Amino acid sequence: MRTTIRIEDEIMKELLTLTKRKKKTEAITFAIADFLKRKGKEKLLDIKGKMRLHSNWRKLRHAELKEE
């Protein structure tokens, strides 16, 4: 998808430096992908302790793998 955006020069320079990318498109794509990955991890951490796993989850997983 082609998109036109305006980014301040200083911000772009810092992004290029931090991401160690040479092209602006690569740096922006990397930064967005990293942001999305971090948000996904945050969502997982938010549910930490809210789910109850059976104490025999290893046995259940082993049985599940045998069925495949």
PDB file of N, CA and C in Angstrom:
ATOM      1  N   MET A   1       0.851  -1.167   0.000  1.00  0.00           N
ATOM      2  CA  MET A   1       0.000   0.000   0.000  1.00  0.00           C
ATOM      3  C   MET A   1       0.901   1.236   0.000  1.00  0.00           C
ATOM      4  N   ARG A   2       0.597   2.155  -0.818  1.00  0.00           N
ATOM      5  CA  ARG A   2       1.364   3.386  -0.899  1.00  0.00           C
ATOM      6  C   ARG A   2       0.639   4.455  -0.085  1.00  0.00           C
ATOM      7  N   THR A   3       1.385   5.118   0.806  1.00  0.00           N
ATOM      8  CA  THR A   3       0.822   6.147   1.671  1.00  0.00           C
ATOM      9  C   THR A   3       1.791   7.318   1.749  1.00  0.00           C
ATOM     10  N   THR A   4       1.257   8.501   1.761  1.00  0.00           N
ATOM     11  CA  THR A   4       2.092   9.689   1.913  1.00  0.00           C
ATOM     12  C   THR A   4       1.935  10.202   3.336  1.00  0.00           C
ATOM     13  N   ILE A   5       3.059  10.381   4.023  1.00  0.00           N
ATOM     14  CA  ILE A   5       3.026  10.912   5.385  1.00  0.00           C
ATOM     15  C   ILE A   5       4.124  11.962   5.541  1.00  0.00           C
ATOM     16  N   ARG A   6       3.939  12.839   6.493  1.00  0.00           N
ATOM     17  CA  ARG A   6       4.947  13.851   6.789  1.00  0.00           C
ATOM     18  C   ARG A   6       5.557  13.540   8.147  1.00  0.00           C
ATOM     19  N   ILE A   7       6.866  13.377   8.145  1.00  0.00           N
ATOM     20  CA  ILE A   7       7.594  13.074   9.379  1.00  0.00           C
ATOM     21  C   ILE A   7       8.721  14.094   9.505  1.00  0.00           C
ATOM     22  N   GLU A   8       8.846  14.654  10.693  1.00  0.00           N
ATOM     23  CA  GLU A   8       9.898  15.645  10.916  1.00  0.00           C
ATOM     24  C   GLU A   8      11.265  15.024  10.642  1.00  0.00           C
ATOM     25  N   ASP A   9      12.151  15.832  10.072  1.00  0.00           N
ATOM     26  CA  ASP A   9      13.481  15.348   9.692  1.00  0.00           C
ATOM     27  C   ASP A   9      14.242  14.736  10.863  1.00  0.00           C
ATOM     28  N   GLU A  10      14.193  15.373  12.010  1.00  0.00           N
ATOM     29  CA  GLU A  10      14.932  14.864  13.178  1.00  0.00           C
ATOM     30  C   GLU A  10      14.404  13.508  13.629  1.00  0.00           C
ATOM     31  N   ILE A  11      13.101  13.356  13.594  1.00  0.00           N
ATOM     32  CA  ILE A  11      12.499  12.077  13.978  1.00  0.00           C
ATOM     33  C   ILE A  11      12.915  10.988  12.992  1.00  0.00           C
ATOM     34  N   MET A  12      12.906  11.304  11.708  1.00  0.00           N
ATOM     35  CA  MET A  12      13.286  10.320  10.699  1.00  0.00           C
ATOM     36  C   MET A  12      14.756   9.946  10.840  1.00  0.00           C
ATOM     37  N   LYS A  13      15.614  10.920  11.093  1.00  0.00           N
ATOM     38  CA  LYS A  13      17.042  10.633  11.273  1.00  0.00           C
ATOM     39  C   LYS A  13      17.252   9.698  12.462  1.00  0.00           C
ATOM     40  N   GLU A  14      16.544   9.985  13.551  1.00  0.00           N
ATOM     41  CA  GLU A  14      16.677   9.135  14.743  1.00  0.00           C
ATOM     42  C   GLU A  14      16.142   7.729  14.472  1.00  0.00           C
ATOM     43  N   LEU A  15      15.034   7.646  13.750  1.00  0.00           N
ATOM     44  CA  LEU A  15      14.465   6.342  13.409  1.00  0.00           C
ATOM     45  C   LEU A  15      15.436   5.530  12.555  1.00  0.00           C
ATOM     46  N   LEU A  16      16.022   6.162  11.567  1.00  0.00           N
ATOM     47  CA  LEU A  16      16.992   5.481  10.709  1.00  0.00           C
ATOM     48  C   LEU A  16      18.189   4.986  11.525  1.00  0.00           C
ATOM     49  N   THR A  17      18.629   5.806  12.466  1.00  0.00           N
ATOM     50  CA  THR A  17      19.763   5.428  13.306  1.00  0.00           C
ATOM     51  C   THR A  17      19.404   4.261  14.228  1.00  0.00           C
ATOM     52  N   LEU A  18      18.279   4.377  14.906  1.00  0.00           N
ATOM     53  CA  LEU A  18      17.887   3.344  15.871  1.00  0.00           C
ATOM     54  C   LEU A  18      17.547   2.008  15.218  1.00  0.00           C
ATOM     55  N   THR A  19      16.934   2.057  14.057  1.00  0.00           N
ATOM     56  CA  THR A  19      16.551   0.811  13.386  1.00  0.00           C
ATOM     57  C   THR A  19      17.689   0.234  12.539  1.00  0.00           C
ATOM     58  N   LYS A  20      18.741   1.029  12.352  1.00  0.00           N
ATOM     59  CA  LYS A  20      19.899   0.623  11.542  1.00  0.00           C
ATOM     60  C   LYS A  20      19.472   0.257  10.121  1.00  0.00           C
ATOM     61  N   ARG A  21      18.522   1.015   9.611  1.00  0.00           N
ATOM     62  CA  ARG A  21      18.049   0.837   8.240  1.00  0.00           C
ATOM     63  C   ARG A  21      18.545   2.013   7.403  1.00  0.00           C
ATOM     64  N   LYS A  22      18.750   1.774   6.112  1.00  0.00           N
ATOM     65  CA  LYS A  22      19.242   2.828   5.228  1.00  0.00           C
ATOM     66  C   LYS A  22      18.107   3.530   4.499  1.00  0.00           C
ATOM     67  N   LYS A  23      17.030   2.811   4.262  1.00  0.00           N
ATOM     68  CA  LYS A  23      15.902   3.378   3.532  1.00  0.00           C
ATOM     69  C   LYS A  23      14.772   3.734   4.486  1.00  0.00           C
ATOM     70  N   LYS A  24      14.130   4.842   4.216  1.00  0.00           N
ATOM     71  CA  LYS A  24      13.045   5.328   5.077  1.00  0.00           C
ATOM     72  C   LYS A  24      11.899   4.317   5.156  1.00  0.00           C
ATOM     73  N   THR A  25      11.533   3.758   4.011  1.00  0.00           N
ATOM     74  CA  THR A  25      10.426   2.798   3.992  1.00  0.00           C
ATOM     75  C   THR A  25      10.731   1.597   4.875  1.00  0.00           C
ATOM     76  N   GLU A  26      11.962   1.094   4.800  1.00  0.00           N
ATOM     77  CA  GLU A  26      12.352  -0.052   5.633  1.00  0.00           C
ATOM     78  C   GLU A  26      12.289   0.305   7.108  1.00  0.00           C
ATOM     79  N   ALA A  27      12.766   1.497   7.458  1.00  0.00           N
ATOM     80  CA  ALA A  27      12.770   1.929   8.857  1.00  0.00           C
ATOM     81  C   ALA A  27      11.351   2.067   9.399  1.00  0.00           C
ATOM     82  N   ILE A  28      10.477   2.659   8.612  1.00  0.00           N
ATOM     83  CA  ILE A  28       9.089   2.852   9.054  1.00  0.00           C
ATOM     84  C   ILE A  28       8.378   1.512   9.171  1.00  0.00           C
ATOM     85  N   THR A  29       8.573   0.639   8.193  1.00  0.00           N
ATOM     86  CA  THR A  29       7.959  -0.693   8.238  1.00  0.00           C
ATOM     87  C   THR A  29       8.446  -1.464   9.459  1.00  0.00           C
ATOM     88  N   PHE A  30       9.750  -1.412   9.717  1.00  0.00           N
ATOM     89  CA  PHE A  30      10.319  -2.083  10.883  1.00  0.00           C
ATOM     90  C   PHE A  30       9.712  -1.533  12.177  1.00  0.00           C
ATOM     91  N   ALA A  31       9.630  -0.206  12.269  1.00  0.00           N
ATOM     92  CA  ALA A  31       9.108   0.432  13.485  1.00  0.00           C
ATOM     93  C   ALA A  31       7.645   0.065  13.726  1.00  0.00           C
ATOM     94  N   ILE A  32       6.849   0.055  12.672  1.00  0.00           N
ATOM     95  CA  ILE A  32       5.435  -0.300  12.815  1.00  0.00           C
ATOM     96  C   ILE A  32       5.285  -1.768  13.219  1.00  0.00           C
ATOM     97  N   ALA A  33       6.041  -2.644  12.584  1.00  0.00           N
ATOM     98  CA  ALA A  33       5.977  -4.074  12.920  1.00  0.00           C
ATOM     99  C   ALA A  33       6.398  -4.303  14.370  1.00  0.00           C
ATOM    100  N   ASP A  34       7.441  -3.606  14.807  1.00  0.00           N
ATOM    101  CA  ASP A  34       7.900  -3.726  16.186  1.00  0.00           C
ATOM    102  C   ASP A  34       6.836  -3.228  17.161  1.00  0.00           C
ATOM    103  N   PHE A  35       6.198  -2.119  16.831  1.00  0.00           N
ATOM    104  CA  PHE A  35       5.132  -1.571  17.666  1.00  0.00           C
ATOM    105  C   PHE A  35       3.997  -2.581  17.811  1.00  0.00           C
ATOM    106  N   LEU A  36       3.582  -3.177  16.685  1.00  0.00           N
ATOM    107  CA  LEU A  36       2.493  -4.149  16.724  1.00  0.00           C
ATOM    108  C   LEU A  36       2.862  -5.380  17.543  1.00  0.00           C
ATOM    109  N   LYS A  37       4.109  -5.828  17.422  1.00  0.00           N
ATOM    110  CA  LYS A  37       4.565  -6.978  18.203  1.00  0.00           C
ATOM    111  C   LYS A  37       4.535  -6.650  19.700  1.00  0.00           C
ATOM    112  N   ARG A  38       4.997  -5.465  20.054  1.00  0.00           N
ATOM    113  CA  ARG A  38       4.997  -5.063  21.469  1.00  0.00           C
ATOM    114  C   ARG A  38       3.575  -4.972  22.028  1.00  0.00           C
ATOM    115  N   LYS A  39       2.662  -4.439  21.229  1.00  0.00           N
ATOM    116  CA  LYS A  39       1.272  -4.340  21.679  1.00  0.00           C
ATOM    117  C   LYS A  39       0.672  -5.734  21.885  1.00  0.00           C
ATOM    118  N   GLY A  40       1.027  -6.663  21.013  1.00  0.00           N
ATOM    119  CA  GLY A  40       0.560  -8.037  21.179  1.00  0.00           C
ATOM    120  C   GLY A  40       1.063  -8.652  22.465  1.00  0.00           C
ATOM    121  N   LYS A  41       2.340  -8.397  22.787  1.00  0.00           N
ATOM    122  CA  LYS A  41       2.903  -8.899  24.041  1.00  0.00           C
ATOM    123  C   LYS A  41       2.222  -8.262  25.236  1.00  0.00           C
ATOM    124  N   GLU A  42       1.916  -6.965  25.141  1.00  0.00           N
ATOM    125  CA  GLU A  42       1.221  -6.279  26.234  1.00  0.00           C
ATOM    126  C   GLU A  42      -0.140  -6.918  26.495  1.00  0.00           C
ATOM    127  N   LYS A  43      -0.848  -7.278  25.416  1.00  0.00           N
ATOM    128  CA  LYS A  43      -2.151  -7.909  25.574  1.00  0.00           C
ATOM    129  C   LYS A  43      -2.019  -9.248  26.294  1.00  0.00           C
ATOM    130  N   LEU A  44      -0.981 -10.007  25.943  1.00  0.00           N
ATOM    131  CA  LEU A  44      -0.759 -11.284  26.618  1.00  0.00           C
ATOM    132  C   LEU A  44      -0.436 -11.079  28.085  1.00  0.00           C
ATOM    133  N   LEU A  45       0.382 -10.086  28.376  1.00  0.00           N
ATOM    134  CA  LEU A  45       0.730  -9.814  29.772  1.00  0.00           C
ATOM    135  C   LEU A  45      -0.478  -9.337  30.568  1.00  0.00           C
ATOM    136  N   ASP A  46      -1.401  -8.639  29.913  1.00  0.00           N
ATOM    137  CA  ASP A  46      -2.602  -8.164  30.591  1.00  0.00           C
ATOM    138  C   ASP A  46      -3.483  -9.312  31.071  1.00  0.00           C
ATOM    139  N   ILE A  47      -3.467 -10.428  30.341  1.00  0.00           N
ATOM    140  CA  ILE A  47      -4.311 -11.551  30.760  1.00  0.00           C
ATOM    141  C   ILE A  47      -3.573 -12.497  31.702  1.00  0.00           C
ATOM    142  N   LYS A  48      -2.305 -12.193  31.989  1.00  0.00           N
ATOM    143  CA  LYS A  48      -1.530 -13.033  32.907  1.00  0.00           C
ATOM    144  C   LYS A  48      -2.246 -13.111  34.254  1.00  0.00           C
ATOM    145  N   GLY A  49      -2.414 -14.316  34.731  1.00  0.00           N
ATOM    146  CA  GLY A  49      -3.063 -14.528  36.017  1.00  0.00           C
ATOM    147  C   GLY A  49      -4.578 -14.558  35.938  1.00  0.00           C
ATOM    148  N   LYS A  50      -5.141 -14.276  34.782  1.00  0.00           N
ATOM    149  CA  LYS A  50      -6.592 -14.253  34.645  1.00  0.00           C
ATOM    150  C   LYS A  50      -7.124 -15.561  34.075  1.00  0.00           C
ATOM    151  N   MET A  51      -6.215 -16.398  33.602  1.00  0.00           N
ATOM    152  CA  MET A  51      -6.615 -17.689  33.053  1.00  0.00           C
ATOM    153  C   MET A  51      -6.141 -18.794  33.986  1.00  0.00           C
ATOM    154  N   ARG A  52      -6.925 -19.809  34.106  1.00  0.00           N
ATOM    155  CA  ARG A  52      -6.565 -20.919  34.979  1.00  0.00           C
ATOM    156  C   ARG A  52      -6.234 -22.127  34.111  1.00  0.00           C
ATOM    157  N   LEU A  53      -5.033 -22.622  34.261  1.00  0.00           N
ATOM    158  CA  LEU A  53      -4.620 -23.808  33.518  1.00  0.00           C
ATOM    159  C   LEU A  53      -4.704 -25.027  34.431  1.00  0.00           C
ATOM    160  N   HIS A  54      -5.081 -26.131  33.854  1.00  0.00           N
ATOM    161  CA  HIS A  54      -5.123 -27.362  34.621  1.00  0.00           C
ATOM    162  C   HIS A  54      -3.699 -27.766  34.985  1.00  0.00           C
ATOM    163  N   SER A  55      -3.529 -28.355  36.140  1.00  0.00           N
ATOM    164  CA  SER A  55      -2.193 -28.741  36.581  1.00  0.00           C
ATOM    165  C   SER A  55      -1.596 -29.836  35.703  1.00  0.00           C
ATOM    166  N   ASN A  56      -2.427 -30.522  34.955  1.00  0.00           N
ATOM    167  CA  ASN A  56      -1.941 -31.596  34.102  1.00  0.00           C
ATOM    168  C   ASN A  56      -1.873 -31.167  32.635  1.00  0.00           C
ATOM    169  N   TRP A  57      -1.562 -29.924  32.381  1.00  0.00           N
ATOM    170  CA  TRP A  57      -1.549 -29.413  31.013  1.00  0.00           C
ATOM    171  C   TRP A  57      -0.510 -30.113  30.141  1.00  0.00           C
ATOM    172  N   ARG A  58       0.587 -30.546  30.735  1.00  0.00           N
ATOM    173  CA  ARG A  58       1.603 -31.250  29.944  1.00  0.00           C
ATOM    174  C   ARG A  58       1.059 -32.588  29.427  1.00  0.00           C
ATOM    175  N   LYS A  59       0.350 -33.310  30.282  1.00  0.00           N
ATOM    176  CA  LYS A  59      -0.247 -34.577  29.866  1.00  0.00           C
ATOM    177  C   LYS A  59      -1.292 -34.352  28.778  1.00  0.00           C
ATOM    178  N   LEU A  60      -2.088 -33.317  28.937  1.00  0.00           N
ATOM    179  CA  LEU A  60      -3.098 -33.010  27.937  1.00  0.00           C
ATOM    180  C   LEU A  60      -2.450 -32.655  26.599  1.00  0.00           C
ATOM    181  N   ARG A  61      -1.383 -31.881  26.647  1.00  0.00           N
ATOM    182  CA  ARG A  61      -0.677 -31.492  25.422  1.00  0.00           C
ATOM    183  C   ARG A  61      -0.064 -32.722  24.749  1.00  0.00           C
ATOM    184  N   HIS A  62       0.522 -33.606  25.542  1.00  0.00           N
ATOM    185  CA  HIS A  62       1.119 -34.825  25.006  1.00  0.00           C
ATOM    186  C   HIS A  62       0.048 -35.691  24.321  1.00  0.00           C
ATOM    187  N   ALA A  63      -1.095 -35.832  24.957  1.00  0.00           N
ATOM    188  CA  ALA A  63      -2.188 -36.621  24.384  1.00  0.00           C
ATOM    189  C   ALA A  63      -2.689 -35.971  23.095  1.00  0.00           C
ATOM    190  N   GLU A  64      -2.746 -34.667  23.078  1.00  0.00           N
ATOM    191  CA  GLU A  64      -3.189 -33.937  21.891  1.00  0.00           C
ATOM    192  C   GLU A  64      -2.218 -34.161  20.717  1.00  0.00           C
ATOM    193  N   LEU A  65      -0.937 -34.162  21.008  1.00  0.00           N
ATOM    194  CA  LEU A  65       0.066 -34.372  19.959  1.00  0.00           C
ATOM    195  C   LEU A  65       0.003 -35.792  19.420  1.00  0.00           C
ATOM    196  N   LYS A  66      -0.324 -36.767  20.269  1.00  0.00           N
ATOM    197  CA  LYS A  66      -0.442 -38.163  19.831  1.00  0.00           C
ATOM    198  C   LYS A  66      -1.596 -38.315  18.838  1.00  0.00           C
ATOM    199  N   GLU A  67      -2.660 -37.538  19.025  1.00  0.00           N
ATOM    200  CA  GLU A  67      -3.822 -37.635  18.158  1.00  0.00           C
ATOM    201  C   GLU A  67      -3.521 -37.136  16.748  1.00  0.00           C
ATOM    202  N   GLU A  68      -2.572 -36.238  16.630  1.00  0.00           N
ATOM    203  CA  GLU A  68      -2.228 -35.685  15.306  1.00  0.00           C
ATOM    204  C   GLU A  68      -1.433 -36.678  14.579  1.00  0.00           C
TER     205      GLU A  68
END
